[in-house]
C-alpha atoms as a PDB file:
ATOM      1  CA  MET A   1       4.792   7.521  -2.959  1.00  0.00           C
ATOM      2  CA  ILE A   2       3.111   7.822  -6.113  1.00  0.00           C
ATOM      3  CA  GLY A   3       3.986   5.464  -9.171  1.00  0.00           C
ATOM      4  CA  TYR A   4       7.041   2.932  -8.682  1.00  0.00           C
ATOM      5  CA  LYS A   5       9.734   1.210 -10.847  1.00  0.00           C
ATOM      6  CA  PHE A   6       8.903  -2.830 -11.301  1.00  0.00           C
ATOM      7  CA  GLU A   7      10.222  -5.815 -12.227  1.00  0.00           C
ATOM      8  CA  SER A   8       9.444  -9.193 -12.361  1.00  0.00           C
ATOM      9  CA  SER A   9      11.560 -12.402 -11.669  1.00  0.00           C
ATOM     10  CA  LYS A  10      10.317 -16.024 -10.523  1.00  0.00           C
ATOM     11  CA  GLY A  11       6.986 -14.992 -11.659  1.00  0.00           C
ATOM     12  CA  ILE A  12       6.419 -12.156  -9.205  1.00  0.00           C
ATOM     13  CA  CYS A  13       6.241  -8.422  -9.806  1.00  0.00           C
ATOM     14  CA  PHE A  14       8.370  -6.566  -7.318  1.00  0.00           C
ATOM     15  CA  ARG A  15       8.548  -2.706  -6.910  1.00  0.00           C
ATOM     16  CA  GLU A  16      11.667  -0.703  -6.096  1.00  0.00           C
ATOM     17  CA  ASN A  17      11.043   1.896  -3.670  1.00  0.00           C
ATOM     18  CA  GLN A  18      13.680   3.159  -0.999  1.00  0.00           C
ATOM     19  CA  LYS A  19      16.335   0.992  -1.817  1.00  0.00           C
ATOM     20  CA  GLY A  20      14.429  -2.341  -1.392  1.00  0.00           C
ATOM     21  CA  LEU A  21      12.009  -4.583  -3.379  1.00  0.00           C
ATOM     22  CA  PHE A  22       8.696  -4.873  -1.965  1.00  0.00           C
ATOM     23  CA  PRO A  23       6.083  -7.213  -3.800  1.00  0.00           C
ATOM     24  CA  LEU A  24       3.395  -6.214  -5.768  1.00  0.00           C
ATOM     25  CA  SER A  25       2.125  -9.649  -6.749  1.00  0.00           C
ATOM     26  CA  PRO A  26      -0.438 -11.181  -4.341  1.00  0.00           C
ATOM     27  CA  PRO A  27       1.261 -13.612  -1.111  1.00  0.00           C
ATOM     28  CA  ILE A  28       0.057 -16.810  -3.047  1.00  0.00           C
ATOM     29  CA  LYS A  29       2.552 -15.769  -5.918  1.00  0.00           C
ATOM     30  CA  GLN A  30       5.102 -15.530  -3.322  1.00  0.00           C
ATOM     31  CA  GLU A  31       4.836 -18.612  -0.996  1.00  0.00           C
ATOM     32  CA  ASN A  32       7.414 -20.545  -2.812  1.00  0.00           C
ATOM     33  CA  LEU A  33      10.309 -18.147  -3.363  1.00  0.00           C
ATOM     34  CA  LYS A  34      13.125 -19.550  -1.305  1.00  0.00           C
ATOM     35  CA  PRO A  35      16.097 -17.214   0.195  1.00  0.00           C
ATOM     36  CA  CYS A  36      18.415 -17.891  -2.237  1.00  0.00           C
ATOM     37  CA  GLU A  37      16.003 -17.677  -5.628  1.00  0.00           C
ATOM     38  CA  ALA A  38      15.373 -14.380  -3.805  1.00  0.00           C
ATOM     39  CA  TYR A  39      19.223 -13.412  -3.425  1.00  0.00           C
ATOM     40  CA  GLU A  40      19.374 -14.102  -7.233  1.00  0.00           C
ATOM     41  CA  ILE A  41      16.807 -11.067  -7.775  1.00  0.00           C
ATOM     42  CA  LEU A  42      18.072  -9.014  -5.336  1.00  0.00           C
ATOM     43  CA  LYS A  43      21.676  -9.546  -6.942  1.00  0.00           C
ATOM     44  CA  VAL A  44      20.949  -8.311 -10.517  1.00  0.00           C
ATOM     45  CA  SER A  45      18.928  -5.310  -8.931  1.00  0.00           C
ATOM     46  CA  ASP A  46      20.656  -1.519  -7.238  1.00  0.00           C
ATOM     47  CA  CYS A  47      18.565  -2.823  -3.963  1.00  0.00           C
ATOM     48  CA  TYR A  48      20.081  -3.606  -0.427  1.00  0.00           C
ATOM     49  CA  PHE A  49      17.014  -6.039   0.214  1.00  0.00           C
ATOM     50  CA  ILE A  50      14.475  -7.771  -0.948  1.00  0.00           C
ATOM     51  CA  ARG A  51      10.971  -8.462   1.166  1.00  0.00           C
ATOM     52  CA  TRP A  52       8.100 -11.199   0.488  1.00  0.00           C
ATOM     53  CA  ASP A  53       5.661 -12.960   2.746  1.00  0.00           C
ATOM     54  CA  LYS A  54       4.799 -16.714   3.466  1.00  0.00           C
ATOM     55  CA  ASN A  55       1.832 -18.369   5.267  1.00  0.00           C
ATOM     56  CA  PHE A  56      -0.597 -15.490   4.433  1.00  0.00           C
ATOM     57  CA  ASP A  57      -3.715 -15.572   6.278  1.00  0.00           C
ATOM     58  CA  ARG A  58      -1.880 -18.877   8.320  1.00  0.00           C
ATOM     59  CA  THR A  59       0.320 -17.704  10.524  1.00  0.00           C
ATOM     60  CA  ASN A  60      -0.191 -17.519  14.141  1.00  0.00           C
ATOM     61  CA  ASN A  61       2.219 -14.544  14.489  1.00  0.00           C
ATOM     62  CA  GLN A  62       0.538 -11.337  14.744  1.00  0.00           C
ATOM     63  CA  CYS A  63       3.351  -8.974  14.196  1.00  0.00           C
ATOM     64  CA  TRP A  64       2.612  -8.481  10.614  1.00  0.00           C
ATOM     65  CA  TRP A  65      -0.120  -8.849   8.479  1.00  0.00           C
ATOM     66  CA  HIS A  66      -2.240  -7.651   5.459  1.00  0.00           C
ATOM     67  CA  ILE A  67      -5.213  -5.689   5.384  1.00  0.00           C
ATOM     68  CA  ILE A  68      -7.860  -7.405   3.450  1.00  0.00           C
ATOM     69  CA  LYS A  69     -11.398  -7.865   2.568  1.00  0.00           C
ATOM     70  CA  ASP A  70     -13.267 -10.711   0.971  1.00  0.00           C
ATOM     71  CA  ASN A  71     -16.568 -10.571   0.893  1.00  0.00           C
ATOM     72  CA  PHE A  72     -18.833  -7.515  -0.709  1.00  0.00           C
ATOM     73  CA  GLU A  73     -21.287  -5.897   1.712  1.00  0.00           C
ATOM     74  CA  PRO A  74     -24.291  -3.946   0.638  1.00  0.00           C
ATOM     75  CA  ILE A  75     -24.552  -0.833   1.754  1.00  0.00           C
ATOM     76  CA  GLU A  76     -27.071  -1.683   4.426  1.00  0.00           C
ATOM     77  CA  ASN A  77     -24.702  -4.138   6.045  1.00  0.00           C
ATOM     78  CA  LEU A  78     -22.409  -1.556   6.640  1.00  0.00           C
ATOM     79  CA  PRO A  79     -22.140   0.439  10.148  1.00  0.00           C
ATOM     80  CA  LYS A  80     -24.230   3.284  10.532  1.00  0.00           C
ATOM     81  CA  LYS A  81     -22.258   6.011  10.479  1.00  0.00           C
ATOM     82  CA  THR A  82     -20.361   4.530   7.320  1.00  0.00           C
ATOM     83  CA  ARG A  83     -23.605   4.249   5.321  1.00  0.00           C
ATOM     84  CA  TYR A  84     -24.513   8.199   6.310  1.00  0.00           C
ATOM     85  CA  MET A  85     -21.114   9.070   4.598  1.00  0.00           C
ATOM     86  CA  VAL A  86     -21.403   7.131   1.741  1.00  0.00           C
ATOM     87  CA  LYS A  87     -24.874   8.327   0.865  1.00  0.00           C
ATOM     88  CA  LYS A  88     -23.957  12.149   1.808  1.00  0.00           C
ATOM     89  CA  ALA A  89     -20.882  11.426  -0.281  1.00  0.00           C
ATOM     90  CA  SER A  90     -22.875  10.354  -3.371  1.00  0.00           C
ATOM     91  CA  SER A  91     -25.142  13.564  -3.387  1.00  0.00           C
ATOM     92  CA  LYS A  92     -22.014  15.819  -4.197  1.00  0.00           C
ATOM     93  CA  TYR A  93     -19.788  13.393  -5.858  1.00  0.00           C
ATOM     94  CA  PHE A  94     -19.668  10.189  -8.164  1.00  0.00           C
ATOM     95  CA  VAL A  95     -16.898   7.610  -8.752  1.00  0.00           C
ATOM     96  CA  LYS A  96     -15.684   5.944 -12.035  1.00  0.00           C
ATOM     97  CA  LEU A  97     -13.058   3.674 -13.281  1.00  0.00           C
ATOM     98  CA  ILE A  98     -10.875   6.123 -15.620  1.00  0.00           C
ATOM     99  CA  ASP A  99      -7.980   5.992 -18.160  1.00  0.00           C
ATOM    100  CA  LYS A 100      -4.473   7.012 -17.491  1.00  0.00           C
ATOM    101  CA  GLU A 101      -4.643   9.810 -19.634  1.00  0.00           C
ATOM    102  CA  ILE A 102      -7.319  11.533 -17.043  1.00  0.00           C
ATOM    103  CA  ILE A 103      -4.414  11.220 -14.018  1.00  0.00           C
ATOM    104  CA  LEU A 104      -1.591  12.407 -16.576  1.00  0.00           C
ATOM    105  CA  ASN A 105      -3.647  16.108 -17.191  1.00  0.00           C
ATOM    106  CA  TYR A 106      -5.464  16.343 -13.824  1.00  0.00           C
ATOM    107  CA  GLY A 107      -3.611  14.141 -11.167  1.00  0.00           C
ATOM    108  CA  TYR A 108      -1.223  16.291 -10.213  1.00  0.00           C
ATOM    109  CA  ASP A 109      -2.881  18.747  -8.431  1.00  0.00           C
ATOM    110  CA  ILE A 110      -4.563  16.605  -6.084  1.00  0.00           C
ATOM    111  CA  TYR A 111      -1.494  14.429  -5.482  1.00  0.00           C
ATOM    112  CA  ILE A 112      -0.023  18.255  -4.291  1.00  0.00           C
ATOM    113  CA  SER A 113      -3.127  19.000  -2.312  1.00  0.00           C
ATOM    114  CA  ALA A 114      -3.184  15.674  -0.501  1.00  0.00           C
ATOM    115  CA  TYR A 115       0.388  15.222   0.054  1.00  0.00           C
ATOM    116  CA  SER A 116       0.092  17.984   2.994  1.00  0.00           C
ATOM    117  CA  ARG A 117      -1.935  15.730   4.732  1.00  0.00           C
ATOM    118  CA  TYR A 118       0.811  13.109   5.470  1.00  0.00           C
ATOM    119  CA  LYS A 119       3.885  13.049   7.461  1.00  0.00           C
ATOM    120  CA  THR A 120       6.284  11.034   5.804  1.00  0.00           C
ATOM    121  CA  HIS A 121      10.324  10.953   5.302  1.00  0.00           C
ATOM    122  CA  GLU A 122       9.310  10.375   1.552  1.00  0.00           C
ATOM    123  CA  ARG A 123       9.723  13.728  -0.913  1.00  0.00           C
ATOM    124  CA  ILE A 124       7.159  14.737  -2.722  1.00  0.00           C
ATOM    125  CA  PHE A 125       7.744  14.201  -6.632  1.00  0.00           C
ATOM    126  CA  THR A 126       7.860  17.524  -8.877  1.00  0.00           C
ATOM    127  CA  LYS A 127       5.300  17.427 -11.956  1.00  0.00           C
ATOM    128  CA  PRO A 128       7.542  15.596 -14.588  1.00  0.00           C
ATOM    129  CA  GLU A 129       8.716  12.807 -12.007  1.00  0.00           C
ATOM    130  CA  PHE A 130       5.057  12.655 -11.510  1.00  0.00           C
ATOM    131  CA  LEU A 131       4.175  12.157 -15.194  1.00  0.00           C
ATOM    132  CA  LEU A 132       7.229   9.636 -15.482  1.00  0.00           C
ATOM    133  CA  SER A 133       6.160   7.602 -12.586  1.00  0.00           C
ATOM    134  CA  ILE A 134       2.515   7.388 -14.342  1.00  0.00           C
ATOM    135  CA  ASN A 135       3.399   6.583 -17.005  1.00  0.00           C
ATOM    136  CA  SER A 136       6.043   3.870 -16.072  1.00  0.00           C
ATOM    137  CA  LEU A 137       3.242   1.690 -13.756  1.00  0.00           C
ATOM    138  CA  PRO A 138       2.582  -2.119 -14.948  1.00  0.00           C
ATOM    139  CA  ASP A 139      -0.614  -2.196 -17.518  1.00  0.00           C
ATOM    140  CA  ASN A 140      -2.623  -4.071 -15.082  1.00  0.00           C
ATOM    141  CA  THR A 141      -3.160  -0.962 -13.040  1.00  0.00           C
ATOM    142  CA  ASP A 142      -6.422   0.479 -12.653  1.00  0.00           C
ATOM    143  CA  PHE A 143      -7.447   4.113 -11.950  1.00  0.00           C
ATOM    144  CA  PHE A 144     -10.603   5.057 -10.181  1.00  0.00           C
ATOM    145  CA  GLY A 145     -11.785   8.625 -10.034  1.00  0.00           C
ATOM    146  CA  VAL A 146     -14.044  10.762  -7.720  1.00  0.00           C
ATOM    147  CA  PHE A 147     -15.881  13.349  -9.708  1.00  0.00           C
ATOM    148  CA  GLU A 148     -18.079  16.350  -8.812  1.00  0.00           C
ATOM    149  CA  ASN A 149     -21.240  15.801  -9.488  1.00  0.00           C
ATOM    150  CA  ASP A 150     -21.901  19.532 -10.541  1.00  0.00           C
ATOM    151  CA  THR A 151     -18.757  20.413 -12.208  1.00  0.00           C
ATOM    152  CA  ASN A 152     -17.492  16.978 -13.438  1.00  0.00           C
ATOM    153  CA  LYS A 153     -13.864  18.270 -11.583  1.00  0.00           C
ATOM    154  CA  MET A 154     -12.125  15.629 -10.353  1.00  0.00           C
ATOM    155  CA  VAL A 155     -11.078  15.889  -6.717  1.00  0.00           C
ATOM    156  CA  ALA A 156      -9.709  12.220  -5.923  1.00  0.00           C
ATOM    157  CA  PHE A 157      -8.357   9.119  -7.708  1.00  0.00           C
ATOM    158  CA  SER A 158      -6.928   5.781  -6.304  1.00  0.00           C
ATOM    159  CA  GLU A 159      -4.059   3.474  -8.366  1.00  0.00           C
ATOM    160  CA  ASN A 160      -4.913  -0.267  -7.778  1.00  0.00           C
ATOM    161  CA  TYR A 161      -2.837  -2.996  -8.911  1.00  0.00           C
ATOM    162  CA  ILE A 162      -4.276  -6.331  -9.780  1.00  0.00           C
ATOM    163  CA  GLU A 163      -3.186  -9.494 -10.297  1.00  0.00           C
ATOM    164  CA  LYS A 164      -4.485 -13.579  -9.715  1.00  0.00           C
ATOM    165  CA  ASN A 165      -8.220 -12.055  -8.874  1.00  0.00           C
ATOM    166  CA  VAL A 166      -6.721  -9.840  -6.093  1.00  0.00           C
ATOM    167  CA  CYS A 167      -7.039  -6.140  -5.724  1.00  0.00           C
ATOM    168  CA  PHE A 168      -4.390  -4.035  -4.198  1.00  0.00           C
ATOM    169  CA  TYR A 169      -4.582  -0.557  -3.324  1.00  0.00           C
ATOM    170  CA  VAL A 170      -1.065   1.118  -4.028  1.00  0.00           C
ATOM    171  CA  THR A 171      -2.368   4.681  -3.495  1.00  0.00           C
ATOM    172  CA  MET A 172      -5.457   7.280  -3.088  1.00  0.00           C
ATOM    173  CA  TRP A 173      -5.030  11.009  -3.388  1.00  0.00           C
ATOM    174  CA  CYS A 174      -8.035  13.001  -2.128  1.00  0.00           C
ATOM    175  CA  THR A 175      -8.659  17.153  -2.102  1.00  0.00           C
ATOM    176  CA  PRO A 176      -8.217  18.245   2.051  1.00  0.00           C
ATOM    177  CA  ASP A 177     -11.775  19.449   0.750  1.00  0.00           C
ATOM    178  CA  SER A 178     -13.244  16.464  -0.801  1.00  0.00           C
ATOM    179  CA  MET A 179     -11.968  14.519   2.471  1.00  0.00           C
ATOM    180  CA  LYS A 180     -14.009  16.726   4.619  1.00  0.00           C
ATOM    181  CA  LYS A 181     -17.065  15.563   2.627  1.00  0.00           C
ATOM    182  CA  PHE A 182     -16.587  12.079   2.679  1.00  0.00           C
ATOM    183  CA  SER A 183     -15.020  11.748  -0.834  1.00  0.00           C
ATOM    184  CA  SER A 184     -13.192   8.587   0.580  1.00  0.00           C
ATOM    185  CA  TYR A 185     -15.869   6.744   1.938  1.00  0.00           C
ATOM    186  CA  LEU A 186     -17.426   6.956  -1.647  1.00  0.00           C
ATOM    187  CA  LEU A 187     -14.665   6.035  -3.265  1.00  0.00           C
ATOM    188  CA  PHE A 188     -13.936   2.485  -1.078  1.00  0.00           C
ATOM    189  CA  HIS A 189     -17.586   1.900  -1.227  1.00  0.00           C
ATOM    190  CA  GLU A 190     -17.649   1.715  -4.898  1.00  0.00           C
ATOM    191  CA  MET A 191     -14.235  -0.043  -5.431  1.00  0.00           C
ATOM    192  CA  GLU A 192     -15.056  -2.348  -3.277  1.00  0.00           C
ATOM    193  CA  LYS A 193     -18.725  -3.157  -4.992  1.00  0.00           C
ATOM    194  CA  HIS A 194     -16.520  -3.257  -8.555  1.00  0.00           C
ATOM    195  CA  TYR A 195     -13.900  -5.824  -7.744  1.00  0.00           C
ATOM    196  CA  LEU A 196     -15.914  -8.352  -4.922  1.00  0.00           C
ATOM    197  CA  TYR A 197     -19.230  -8.057  -6.347  1.00  0.00           C
ATOM    198  CA  ASP A 198     -18.920  -6.843 -10.178  1.00  0.00           C
ATOM    199  CA  LEU A 199     -15.983  -8.874 -10.988  1.00  0.00           C
ATOM    200  CA  ASN A 200     -15.780 -11.531  -8.083  1.00  0.00           C
ATOM    201  CA  PHE A 201     -12.514 -11.046  -6.917  1.00  0.00           C
ATOM    202  CA  ASN A 202     -10.937 -13.553  -4.075  1.00  0.00           C
ATOM    203  CA  TYR A 203     -10.200 -10.007  -2.011  1.00  0.00           C
ATOM    204  CA  ILE A 204      -9.449  -6.765  -1.915  1.00  0.00           C
ATOM    205  CA  SER A 205      -5.921  -5.252  -0.032  1.00  0.00           C
ATOM    206  CA  ASP A 206      -4.873  -1.970   0.854  1.00  0.00           C
ATOM    207  CA  GLY A 207      -1.587  -3.096   1.358  1.00  0.00           C
ATOM    208  CA  THR A 208       0.841  -4.174   4.963  1.00  0.00           C
ATOM    209  CA  ARG A 209       1.427  -2.979   7.603  1.00  0.00           C
ATOM    210  CA  SER A 210       2.656   0.572   7.582  1.00  0.00           C
ATOM    211  CA  ILE A 211       6.408   1.358   9.110  1.00  0.00           C
ATOM    212  CA  SER A 212       7.312   3.922   7.038  1.00  0.00           C
ATOM    213  CA  HIS A 213       5.309   6.921   8.380  1.00  0.00           C
ATOM    214  CA  ASP A 214       1.907   7.266  10.843  1.00  0.00           C
ATOM    215  CA  THR A 215      -1.315   6.403   8.945  1.00  0.00           C
ATOM    216  CA  ASN A 216      -4.869   5.798  10.402  1.00  0.00           C
ATOM    217  CA  ILE A 217      -6.246   4.230   6.964  1.00  0.00           C
ATOM    218  CA  HIS A 218      -6.068   0.538   7.931  1.00  0.00           C
ATOM    219  CA  GLN A 219      -8.005   1.160  11.416  1.00  0.00           C
ATOM    220  CA  PHE A 220     -10.068   3.082   9.727  1.00  0.00           C
ATOM    221  CA  LEU A 221     -10.704   0.695   6.859  1.00  0.00           C
ATOM    222  CA  ILE A 222     -11.419  -2.025   9.672  1.00  0.00           C
ATOM    223  CA  SER A 223     -13.842   0.189  11.902  1.00  0.00           C
ATOM    224  CA  LYS A 224     -15.723   1.649   8.762  1.00  0.00           C
ATOM    225  CA  PHE A 225     -15.537  -0.903   6.279  1.00  0.00           C
ATOM    226  CA  ASN A 226     -15.126  -4.308   7.960  1.00  0.00           C
ATOM    227  CA  PHE A 227     -11.708  -5.016   6.687  1.00  0.00           C
ATOM    228  CA  ARG A 228      -9.539  -7.547   8.983  1.00  0.00           C
ATOM    229  CA  LYS A 229      -6.085  -8.367   9.310  1.00  0.00           C
ATOM    230  CA  ALA A 230      -4.367 -11.371   7.552  1.00  0.00           C
ATOM    231  CA  TYR A 231      -1.428 -12.199   9.322  1.00  0.00           C
ATOM    232  CA  SER A 232       1.880 -13.386   7.529  1.00  0.00           C
ATOM    233  CA  ASP A 233       5.652 -14.499   7.929  1.00  0.00           C
ATOM    234  CA  LEU A 234       7.893 -11.522   7.019  1.00  0.00           C
ATOM    235  CA  ASN A 235      10.801 -13.042   4.985  1.00  0.00           C
ATOM    236  CA  LEU A 236      13.816 -10.472   4.100  1.00  0.00           C
ATOM    237  CA  VAL A 237      17.499 -11.362   2.309  1.00  0.00           C
ATOM    238  CA  TYR A 238      20.036  -8.636   1.908  1.00  0.00           C
ATOM    239  CA  LYS A 239      22.926  -7.663   0.207  1.00  0.00           C
ATOM    240  CA  PRO A 240      25.603  -9.133   1.970  1.00  0.00           C
ATOM    241  CA  TRP A 241      27.559  -5.826   2.989  1.00  0.00           C
ATOM    242  CA  PHE A 242      24.027  -4.422   3.749  1.00  0.00           C
ATOM    243  CA  GLY A 243      22.996  -6.797   5.948  1.00  0.00           C
ATOM    244  CA  ALA A 244      26.480  -6.958   7.620  1.00  0.00           C
ATOM    245  CA  ILE A 245      25.591  -3.486   8.858  1.00  0.00           C
ATOM    246  CA  VAL A 246      22.065  -3.829   9.335  1.00  0.00           C
ATOM    247  CA  SER A 247      23.203  -6.740  12.270  1.00  0.00           C
ATOM    248  CA  PHE A 248      25.342  -4.778  13.659  1.00  0.00           C
ATOM    249  CA  LEU A 249      23.302  -1.513  14.548  1.00  0.00           C
ATOM    250  CA  TYR A 250      20.213  -3.467  15.261  1.00  0.00           C
ATOM    251  CA  GLN A 251      21.915  -3.971  18.812  1.00  0.00           C
ATOM    252  CA  PHE A 252      21.680  -0.215  19.007  1.00  0.00           C
ATOM    253  CA  LYS A 253      18.058  -0.063  17.962  1.00  0.00           C
ATOM    254  CA  TRP A 254      16.576   0.948  21.104  1.00  0.00           C
ATOM    255  CA  MET A 255      19.183   3.841  20.976  1.00  0.00           C
ATOM    256  CA  ILE A 256      18.429   5.236  17.576  1.00  0.00           C
ATOM    257  CA  ASP A 257      14.190   5.118  18.092  1.00  0.00           C
ATOM    258  CA  LYS A 258      15.162   7.197  21.146  1.00  0.00           C
ATOM    259  CA  SER A 259      17.259   9.741  19.572  1.00  0.00           C
ATOM    260  CA  GLY A 260      14.291  11.756  17.845  1.00  0.00           C
ATOM    261  CA  ILE A 261      17.178  12.916  15.437  1.00  0.00           C
ATOM    262  CA  PRO A 262      15.327  13.405  11.972  1.00  0.00           C
ATOM    263  CA  ILE A 263      18.155  11.870   9.667  1.00  0.00           C
ATOM    264  CA  LEU A 264      17.903   8.518  11.641  1.00  0.00           C
ATOM    265  CA  LYS A 265      14.076   7.905  10.965  1.00  0.00           C
ATOM    266  CA  LYS A 266      15.098   5.759   7.735  1.00  0.00           C
ATOM    267  CA  LEU A 267      17.539   3.793  10.093  1.00  0.00           C
ATOM    268  CA  SER A 268      15.048   3.391  12.198  1.00  0.00           C
ATOM    269  CA  ILE A 269      12.611   2.003  10.099  1.00  0.00           C
ATOM    270  CA  LEU A 270      15.312  -0.416   8.349  1.00  0.00           C
ATOM    271  CA  LEU A 271      15.665  -2.132  12.261  1.00  0.00           C
ATOM    272  CA  LEU A 272      11.978  -2.180  13.110  1.00  0.00           C
ATOM    273  CA  GLN A 273      11.594  -4.117   9.552  1.00  0.00           C
ATOM    274  CA  GLU A 274      14.657  -6.148  11.101  1.00  0.00           C
ATOM    275  CA  ASP A 275      12.794  -6.609  14.424  1.00  0.00           C
ATOM    276  CA  ILE A 276       9.594  -8.015  12.641  1.00  0.00           C
ATOM    277  CA  ARG A 277      11.523 -10.554  11.017  1.00  0.00           C
ATOM    278  CA  ARG A 278      13.441 -12.162  13.474  1.00  0.00           C
ATOM    279  CA  LYS A 279      10.152 -12.135  15.614  1.00  0.00           C
ATOM    280  CA  SER A 280       8.238 -13.786  12.682  1.00  0.00           C
ATOM    281  CA  MET A 281      11.070 -16.630  12.556  1.00  0.00           C
ATOM    282  CA  LYS A 282      11.002 -17.043  16.318  1.00  0.00           C
ATOM    283  CA  GLY A 283       7.074 -16.868  16.175  1.00  0.00           C
ATOM    284  CA  GLU A 284       7.011 -14.206  18.487  1.00  0.00           C
ATOM    285  CA  ASN A 285       4.643 -11.054  18.372  1.00  0.00           C
ATOM    286  CA  LEU A 286       5.362  -7.616  18.591  1.00  0.00           C
END
């Protein structure tokens, strides 16, 4: 996913994706949102459900989490292998905060190249769709780029959402060749330094548990850069007709999960999300 539609209501910024409203604002802004208020937000949108978090970093439930880091570590404190990768990458690349225009001019080729690494049901954007998405992002969006030392050619970039002294890493795109040369290690380290050390942010986040596609990024950040899981309670409100469908199909969740039919992949994701919501309400763990 690159770029997104967004809207703000009740002081919370939400992004639209796959007919759902997902919070961009940090969990502290969502804490007092009531289900009736969430429904009012949902009712005036074209989406079918709205999602938000409560009890961030305070709940005992372990079925829903954010991946965060709230303290800066100099390179000397990182795991030995991570230190090596960061230093190795810095001999080939440099990282800097960049303007949106650079993404508009050079980002699409990187996006296309990076997309081949992902296993996801989400379709690839055309170039006009990519440009429109970038131009439609909130004003409080940062971009970081990774560039070759010798040629100044951009080989990777990150799109970050900033609010309330919190940085949310929305997307990151690296060419496969630069990934092999550890560009992502250098990018993560430099962004951590910028937000946690230079700006003294409360924390940086790589978002919530991924349920839409296979990814190893969260375990990578935990093991390589000492990120951690901050557990929270998942809340959902549906439009009535859609909620009725989800409730009916939930009883067949195990059959849908095991079907292996590609067209049912999105449905399986919706039912997993509902399963997490129910377990959050009961205080159970997956």
